[in-house]
């Protein structure tokens, strides 16, 4: 059952109290600052095994009836579907997926004789991408489509991150896939074009790209379709940035967020405030912070992303997150942020609460 939480702890008032404390009190207040968290508006019902990554489907007819899709990461895993208050919609839950890590969503995909919105997840134990139409959650190609064909290295076929890129220029739909382990020669990520067939869809490999440190793994992948960039977390190293259009080449445009993280760089989500402005949010997993960077980069350098703020959220060891700037009814007038929490749930935030903290700190 979902739980509603309405408390918001603003940073400005806390900092004001800190400024007038005695030296001994400053130490105590610093501890409380670390403990005070921005609270979610709702928390989803609990999954059976292990929540990992969410995505948001925007209902084109009534945005307040949009859905959240989240992965239950287990060998007996599933895709769960929630309403915007965090209630599980049992009729839409799809079980029997073998360790789905990440999930992403696309719109208007031609699949056979119809156009569908869809959710895609990577089935790690079978190296298959599984596609489900939305909002009915009917599988498009039963059993999924295998990827990383021909790979033989250890864990080189173990699917982790998944992201959708739909080109505003060409209209083509792509899926970018990450994995548990891979080469360090700049071919870690594989990008597939999703093509319609007579009965469903097929995948065509269009490029291999992406530097990898070899330290841990690459799971979190996010796409800024309007600006044409892909971001991904090289865990323990930083966030890497590339062009999303395979025709623009495989040059690494930036490596940022290299300092100030406790251990793992995890989930990435992008909030848009304009055509080319907004925020990139990256999970600092072990300390339950989300680091915030400018979407537009720095003046004169769109690939320089310096830290703006750190959001102390209530999530526990958060892997995946997603955000939208679309108004989703009275609870979310400027959009919604949702993040995985390591208690088998996802936490759902009113974007305005995060925005207040960013602007006041």
Protein backbone atom coordinates (compact mmCIF):
# COMPACT_ATOMS: atom_id res chain seq x y z
CA UNK A 1 0.00 0.00 0.00
CA UNK A 2 1.24 3.50 -0.82
CA UNK A 3 2.02 5.92 1.95
CA UNK A 4 1.55 9.67 1.65
CA UNK A 5 4.13 11.96 3.23
CA UNK A 6 3.67 15.71 3.09
CA UNK A 7 6.62 17.02 5.10
CA UNK A 8 9.30 19.10 3.30
CA UNK A 9 12.46 20.19 5.10
CA UNK A 10 13.89 23.25 3.41
CA UNK A 11 17.61 23.87 3.48
CA UNK A 12 17.46 27.65 3.94
CA UNK A 13 15.91 27.53 7.39
CA UNK A 14 18.31 24.85 8.55
CA UNK A 15 21.29 26.87 7.39
CA UNK A 16 20.00 29.94 9.18
CA UNK A 17 19.87 27.97 12.43
CA UNK A 18 23.38 26.70 11.81
CA UNK A 19 24.76 30.22 11.44
CA UNK A 20 23.69 31.31 14.96
CA UNK A 21 24.83 28.17 16.82
CA UNK A 22 27.71 27.97 19.26
CA UNK A 23 30.80 25.91 18.22
CA UNK A 24 29.60 22.86 20.16
CA UNK A 25 26.11 23.24 18.73
CA UNK A 26 27.56 23.61 15.23
CA UNK A 27 28.85 20.06 15.40
CA UNK A 28 25.47 18.76 16.51
CA UNK A 29 23.65 20.80 13.88
CA UNK A 30 25.97 19.52 11.17
CA UNK A 31 24.94 16.01 12.14
CA UNK A 32 21.28 16.96 11.94
CA UNK A 33 21.84 18.57 8.56
CA UNK A 34 23.12 15.27 7.29
CA UNK A 35 20.05 13.52 8.67
CA UNK A 36 17.37 15.93 7.43
CA UNK A 37 15.98 14.71 4.12
CA UNK A 38 13.67 15.94 1.41
CA UNK A 39 10.61 13.74 1.78
CA UNK A 40 8.67 11.98 -0.99
CA UNK A 41 5.01 12.69 -1.51
CA UNK A 42 4.27 8.98 -1.95
CA UNK A 43 6.08 5.67 -1.52
CA UNK A 44 5.05 2.75 -3.71
CA UNK A 45 3.85 -0.60 -2.54
CA UNK A 46 6.67 -3.07 -1.91
CA UNK A 47 7.97 -5.42 -4.59
CA UNK A 48 8.60 -9.12 -4.04
CA UNK A 49 12.38 -9.01 -4.32
CA UNK A 50 14.57 -5.99 -5.18
CA UNK A 51 13.51 -2.66 -6.68
CA UNK A 52 16.10 -1.24 -9.08
CA UNK A 53 15.02 1.26 -11.76
CA UNK A 54 11.87 3.27 -12.62
CA UNK A 55 10.51 4.96 -15.75
CA UNK A 56 7.54 7.25 -16.32
CA UNK A 57 4.92 6.83 -19.06
CA UNK A 58 3.03 10.05 -19.83
CA UNK A 59 -0.62 9.38 -20.69
CA UNK A 60 -1.33 11.53 -23.78
CA UNK A 61 -5.06 11.76 -23.02
CA UNK A 62 -4.87 12.56 -19.30
CA UNK A 63 -1.46 13.23 -17.77
CA UNK A 64 -2.81 12.67 -14.25
CA UNK A 65 -3.41 9.04 -15.29
CA UNK A 66 0.23 8.48 -16.23
CA UNK A 67 2.07 5.39 -14.98
CA UNK A 68 5.34 4.49 -13.31
CA UNK A 69 7.04 1.26 -14.42
CA UNK A 70 9.69 -0.25 -12.15
CA UNK A 71 11.94 -3.29 -12.23
CA UNK A 72 12.02 -6.07 -9.63
CA UNK A 73 15.60 -7.29 -10.03
CA UNK A 74 15.66 -11.01 -9.38
CA UNK A 75 15.94 -14.30 -11.25
CA UNK A 76 12.18 -14.45 -10.65
CA UNK A 77 11.85 -10.77 -11.47
CA UNK A 78 9.16 -8.58 -12.92
CA UNK A 79 8.07 -5.24 -14.26
CA UNK A 80 5.72 -3.55 -11.80
CA UNK A 81 3.31 -0.81 -12.79
CA UNK A 82 2.13 1.88 -10.37
CA UNK A 83 -0.27 4.79 -10.50
CA UNK A 84 1.03 8.23 -9.47
CA UNK A 85 0.14 7.60 -5.83
CA UNK A 86 2.34 4.50 -5.77
CA UNK A 87 -0.43 1.91 -5.84
CA UNK A 88 0.51 -1.32 -7.60
CA UNK A 89 -1.76 -2.04 -10.59
CA UNK A 90 -1.83 -5.83 -10.31
CA UNK A 91 -3.37 -6.41 -13.74
CA UNK A 92 -0.39 -4.75 -15.42
CA UNK A 93 2.44 -6.41 -13.48
CA UNK A 94 4.49 -8.74 -15.69
CA UNK A 95 6.39 -11.46 -13.85
CA UNK A 96 8.70 -14.20 -15.07
CA UNK A 97 11.46 -11.84 -16.29
CA UNK A 98 14.91 -13.17 -15.41
CA UNK A 99 16.67 -10.37 -13.53
CA UNK A 100 15.54 -7.15 -15.19
CA UNK A 101 17.87 -4.32 -14.18
CA UNK A 102 16.83 -1.12 -15.94
CA UNK A 103 13.74 0.03 -17.81
CA UNK A 104 13.01 2.89 -20.18
CA UNK A 105 10.05 4.12 -22.22
CA UNK A 106 9.44 5.25 -25.81
CA UNK A 107 6.49 6.59 -27.78
CA UNK A 108 4.89 6.00 -31.17
CA UNK A 109 6.92 2.98 -32.25
CA UNK A 110 5.80 1.23 -35.43
CA UNK A 111 5.45 -2.45 -34.56
CA UNK A 112 3.85 -4.47 -37.32
CA UNK A 113 0.57 -2.87 -38.33
CA UNK A 114 0.26 -0.58 -35.31
CA UNK A 115 1.98 2.25 -33.49
CA UNK A 116 2.59 1.77 -29.77
CA UNK A 117 4.16 3.38 -26.77
CA UNK A 118 6.41 0.88 -25.05
CA UNK A 119 8.56 -0.06 -22.07
CA UNK A 120 11.83 -1.93 -22.63
CA UNK A 121 13.87 -3.78 -20.04
CA UNK A 122 17.03 -5.85 -20.20
CA UNK A 123 16.75 -9.47 -19.07
CA UNK A 124 20.20 -10.04 -17.67
CA UNK A 125 20.16 -13.84 -17.37
CA UNK A 126 19.14 -14.36 -21.01
CA UNK A 127 20.84 -11.34 -22.65
CA UNK A 128 17.51 -10.30 -24.16
CA UNK A 129 15.66 -7.03 -24.45
CA UNK A 130 11.97 -7.40 -23.56
CA UNK A 131 9.48 -4.93 -25.07
CA UNK A 132 5.96 -4.28 -23.72
CA UNK A 133 3.32 -2.02 -25.24
CA UNK A 134 1.80 0.69 -23.05
CA UNK A 135 -0.48 1.10 -21.24
CA UNK A 136 -1.67 -2.53 -21.61
CA UNK A 137 1.76 -4.14 -20.98
CA UNK A 138 1.35 -6.70 -23.76
CA UNK A 139 4.70 -8.13 -24.86
CA UNK A 140 5.54 -7.10 -28.43
CA UNK A 141 7.95 -9.92 -29.30
CA UNK A 142 7.26 -12.87 -27.02
CA UNK A 143 10.41 -13.84 -25.13
CA UNK A 144 12.39 -10.79 -26.24
CA UNK A 145 15.31 -10.23 -28.62
CA UNK A 146 18.86 -11.35 -27.87
CA UNK A 147 21.66 -8.75 -27.88
CA UNK A 148 25.47 -8.79 -27.62
CA UNK A 149 25.62 -11.62 -30.13
CA UNK A 150 29.09 -13.11 -30.45
CA UNK A 151 30.40 -11.80 -27.13
CA UNK A 152 32.26 -14.42 -25.07
CA UNK A 153 34.03 -12.44 -22.33
CA UNK A 154 33.10 -12.89 -18.65
CA UNK A 155 29.77 -11.12 -18.01
CA UNK A 156 30.06 -9.44 -21.44
CA UNK A 157 26.45 -10.41 -22.23
CA UNK A 158 24.94 -9.66 -18.81
CA UNK A 159 22.50 -6.83 -19.53
CA UNK A 160 22.44 -3.93 -17.06
CA UNK A 161 21.56 -0.45 -18.32
CA UNK A 162 18.90 0.28 -20.96
CA UNK A 163 17.96 3.64 -22.48
CA UNK A 164 15.73 4.72 -25.39
CA UNK A 165 16.71 7.44 -27.88
CA UNK A 166 14.11 8.67 -30.37
CA UNK A 167 15.69 11.08 -32.82
CA UNK A 168 13.72 14.32 -33.31
CA UNK A 169 15.32 14.68 -36.77
CA UNK A 170 14.99 11.21 -38.31
CA UNK A 171 12.19 9.79 -36.16
CA UNK A 172 14.21 6.61 -35.66
CA UNK A 173 14.01 4.72 -32.37
CA UNK A 174 17.14 3.31 -30.76
CA UNK A 175 17.93 1.31 -27.63
CA UNK A 176 21.32 1.70 -25.94
CA UNK A 177 22.37 -1.30 -23.87
CA UNK A 178 24.96 -1.55 -21.09
CA UNK A 179 26.31 -4.65 -19.39
CA UNK A 180 27.96 -5.97 -16.23
CA UNK A 181 31.42 -6.16 -17.80
CA UNK A 182 32.97 -5.31 -21.14
CA UNK A 183 35.99 -4.14 -23.13
CA UNK A 184 37.99 -1.00 -22.35
CA UNK A 185 38.63 -0.19 -26.01
CA UNK A 186 35.72 2.24 -26.43
CA UNK A 187 33.07 -0.33 -27.42
CA UNK A 188 31.34 -0.99 -24.08
CA UNK A 189 27.86 0.23 -25.07
CA UNK A 190 25.96 -1.17 -28.06
CA UNK A 191 23.30 0.87 -29.81
CA UNK A 192 20.48 -0.81 -31.73
CA UNK A 193 17.89 0.65 -34.08
CA UNK A 194 14.40 -0.73 -33.44
CA UNK A 195 12.71 -1.62 -36.72
CA UNK A 196 9.20 -2.77 -37.54
CA UNK A 197 8.54 -6.20 -39.01
CA UNK A 198 5.35 -7.81 -40.27
CA UNK A 199 4.58 -9.21 -36.85
CA UNK A 200 6.44 -6.98 -34.40
CA UNK A 201 9.96 -5.54 -34.20
CA UNK A 202 13.60 -6.43 -34.77
CA UNK A 203 16.92 -4.91 -33.72
CA UNK A 204 19.77 -3.76 -35.96
CA UNK A 205 23.15 -3.06 -34.37
CA UNK A 206 24.26 0.39 -35.54
CA UNK A 207 27.32 1.09 -33.40
CA UNK A 208 29.55 0.11 -30.50
CA UNK A 209 30.89 3.02 -28.45
CA UNK A 210 31.74 4.27 -25.00
CA UNK A 211 34.83 4.37 -22.83
CA UNK A 212 34.97 2.21 -19.73
CA UNK A 213 37.46 2.43 -16.88
CA UNK A 214 37.37 -1.30 -16.08
CA UNK A 215 36.83 -0.47 -12.40
CA UNK A 216 33.28 -1.66 -11.79
CA UNK A 217 30.43 -1.55 -14.32
CA UNK A 218 28.16 0.70 -16.35
CA UNK A 219 24.47 0.54 -15.46
CA UNK A 220 22.88 4.00 -15.42
CA UNK A 221 22.28 5.43 -18.91
CA UNK A 222 20.20 8.53 -19.70
CA UNK A 223 19.35 10.20 -23.00
CA UNK A 224 18.65 13.89 -23.64
CA UNK A 225 16.86 13.47 -26.96
CA UNK A 226 16.19 17.18 -27.54
CA UNK A 227 19.85 18.13 -27.14
CA UNK A 228 21.10 14.87 -28.66
CA UNK A 229 23.31 13.50 -25.88
CA UNK A 230 23.81 10.22 -24.03
CA UNK A 231 25.09 10.22 -20.42
CA UNK A 232 26.20 7.16 -18.50
CA UNK A 233 27.75 6.40 -15.12
CA UNK A 234 31.16 4.73 -15.12
CA UNK A 235 30.76 3.67 -11.51
CA UNK A 236 33.44 5.02 -9.19
CA UNK A 237 34.89 7.25 -11.94
CA UNK A 238 32.36 9.76 -13.26
CA UNK A 239 29.68 10.49 -15.84
CA UNK A 240 30.58 10.20 -19.53
CA UNK A 241 28.84 12.10 -22.34
CA UNK A 242 28.46 11.20 -26.04
CA UNK A 243 26.36 12.14 -29.04
CA UNK A 244 23.15 10.12 -29.21
CA UNK A 245 22.99 10.13 -33.02
CA UNK A 246 25.30 7.35 -34.26
CA UNK A 247 26.03 9.42 -37.37
CA UNK A 248 27.83 12.05 -35.27
CA UNK A 249 30.62 9.74 -34.22
CA UNK A 250 31.98 8.22 -31.04
CA UNK A 251 33.98 11.10 -29.55
CA UNK A 252 33.69 11.41 -25.78
CA UNK A 253 32.38 14.92 -25.20
CA UNK A 254 32.83 15.09 -21.44
CA UNK A 255 33.80 13.21 -18.30
CA UNK A 256 32.40 15.01 -15.26
CA UNK A 257 31.25 14.31 -11.69
CA UNK A 258 34.69 12.88 -11.02
CA UNK A 259 34.96 14.35 -7.51
CA UNK A 260 32.77 14.48 -4.43
CA UNK A 261 31.10 11.08 -4.80
CA UNK A 262 31.46 8.66 -1.92
CA UNK A 263 31.75 5.50 -3.99
CA UNK A 264 29.34 4.61 -6.81
CA UNK A 265 27.86 6.88 -9.48
CA UNK A 266 24.42 5.48 -10.15
CA UNK A 267 21.07 6.60 -11.57
CA UNK A 268 20.94 9.59 -13.96
CA UNK A 269 17.85 11.63 -14.79
CA UNK A 270 17.40 14.90 -16.70
CA UNK A 271 14.91 17.65 -15.80
CA UNK A 272 14.28 20.22 -18.53
CA UNK A 273 13.48 23.85 -17.72
CA UNK A 274 13.72 25.03 -21.34
CA UNK A 275 14.83 23.96 -24.80
CA UNK A 276 18.46 23.80 -23.69
CA UNK A 277 18.40 24.35 -19.92
CA UNK A 278 17.74 22.27 -16.85
CA UNK A 279 19.39 19.83 -14.48
CA UNK A 280 21.22 16.51 -14.63
CA UNK A 281 20.72 14.51 -11.42
CA UNK A 282 23.15 11.71 -10.51
CA UNK A 283 22.78 9.37 -7.53
CA UNK A 284 25.61 9.24 -4.98
CA UNK A 285 24.41 5.85 -3.86
CA UNK A 286 26.11 5.17 -0.55
CA UNK A 287 25.22 8.50 1.13
CA UNK A 288 21.71 8.96 -0.32
CA UNK A 289 22.43 12.20 -2.16
CA UNK A 290 21.67 13.23 -5.72
CA UNK A 291 24.28 15.56 -7.23
CA UNK A 292 22.85 18.23 -9.53
CA UNK A 293 24.66 19.56 -12.63
CA UNK A 294 23.59 22.11 -15.27
CA UNK A 295 22.06 20.51 -18.35
CA UNK A 296 23.30 23.40 -20.52
CA UNK A 297 26.89 23.17 -19.29
CA UNK A 298 28.91 26.34 -18.67
CA UNK A 299 28.86 29.61 -20.60
CA UNK A 300 30.95 29.07 -23.71
CA UNK A 301 31.30 25.33 -23.09
CA UNK A 302 28.19 23.12 -23.24
CA UNK A 303 30.24 20.10 -22.12
CA UNK A 304 31.48 21.59 -18.85
CA UNK A 305 29.12 20.42 -16.11
CA UNK A 306 30.03 21.79 -12.69
CA UNK A 307 28.22 20.80 -9.49
CA UNK A 308 25.26 23.03 -8.57
CA UNK A 309 23.81 21.31 -5.52
CA UNK A 310 23.46 18.05 -3.60
CA UNK A 311 19.94 16.86 -2.83
CA UNK A 312 19.57 14.91 0.44
CA UNK A 313 16.71 12.59 -0.41
CA UNK A 314 15.02 9.93 1.70
CA UNK A 315 15.93 7.11 -0.67
CA UNK A 316 18.14 4.30 0.61
CA UNK A 317 21.12 3.38 -1.61
CA UNK A 318 19.34 4.54 -4.75
CA UNK A 319 20.29 2.92 -8.07
CA UNK A 320 17.79 4.20 -10.63
CA UNK A 321 15.71 7.35 -11.05
CA UNK A 322 13.54 9.20 -13.55
CA UNK A 323 12.08 12.68 -13.79
CA UNK A 324 9.63 14.58 -15.98
CA UNK A 325 8.76 18.28 -16.25
CA UNK A 326 5.23 17.50 -17.43
CA UNK A 327 2.39 18.60 -15.16
CA UNK A 328 0.84 15.39 -13.85
CA UNK A 329 -2.21 16.65 -11.99
CA UNK A 330 -2.53 18.66 -8.76
CA UNK A 331 0.10 16.65 -6.84
CA UNK A 332 2.78 17.30 -9.47
CA UNK A 333 2.18 20.72 -11.13
CA UNK A 334 5.78 21.02 -12.37
CA UNK A 335 6.52 17.34 -12.76
CA UNK A 336 7.56 14.29 -10.82
CA UNK A 337 10.83 12.70 -9.68
CA UNK A 338 10.86 9.00 -8.82
CA UNK A 339 13.81 7.02 -7.44
CA UNK A 340 14.46 3.48 -6.34
CA UNK A 341 15.00 2.85 -2.63
CA UNK A 342 16.72 -0.23 -1.25
CA UNK A 343 13.66 -1.31 0.74
CA UNK A 344 11.80 -2.86 -2.23
CA UNK A 345 10.05 0.44 -3.04
CA UNK A 346 10.23 3.51 -5.24
CA UNK A 347 9.85 7.00 -3.76
CA UNK A 348 7.75 9.56 -5.63
CA UNK A 349 8.59 13.27 -5.20
CA UNK A 350 6.89 16.49 -6.20
CA UNK A 351 9.54 18.18 -8.38
CA UNK A 352 8.79 21.52 -6.71
CA UNK A 353 10.27 20.22 -3.44
CA UNK A 354 13.56 19.37 -5.15
CA UNK A 355 13.57 22.66 -7.03
CA UNK A 356 13.17 24.65 -3.79
CA UNK A 357 16.22 22.97 -2.34
CA UNK A 358 18.32 23.52 -5.48
CA UNK A 359 17.47 27.23 -5.58
CA UNK A 360 17.98 27.80 -1.84
CA UNK A 361 21.31 26.01 -1.45
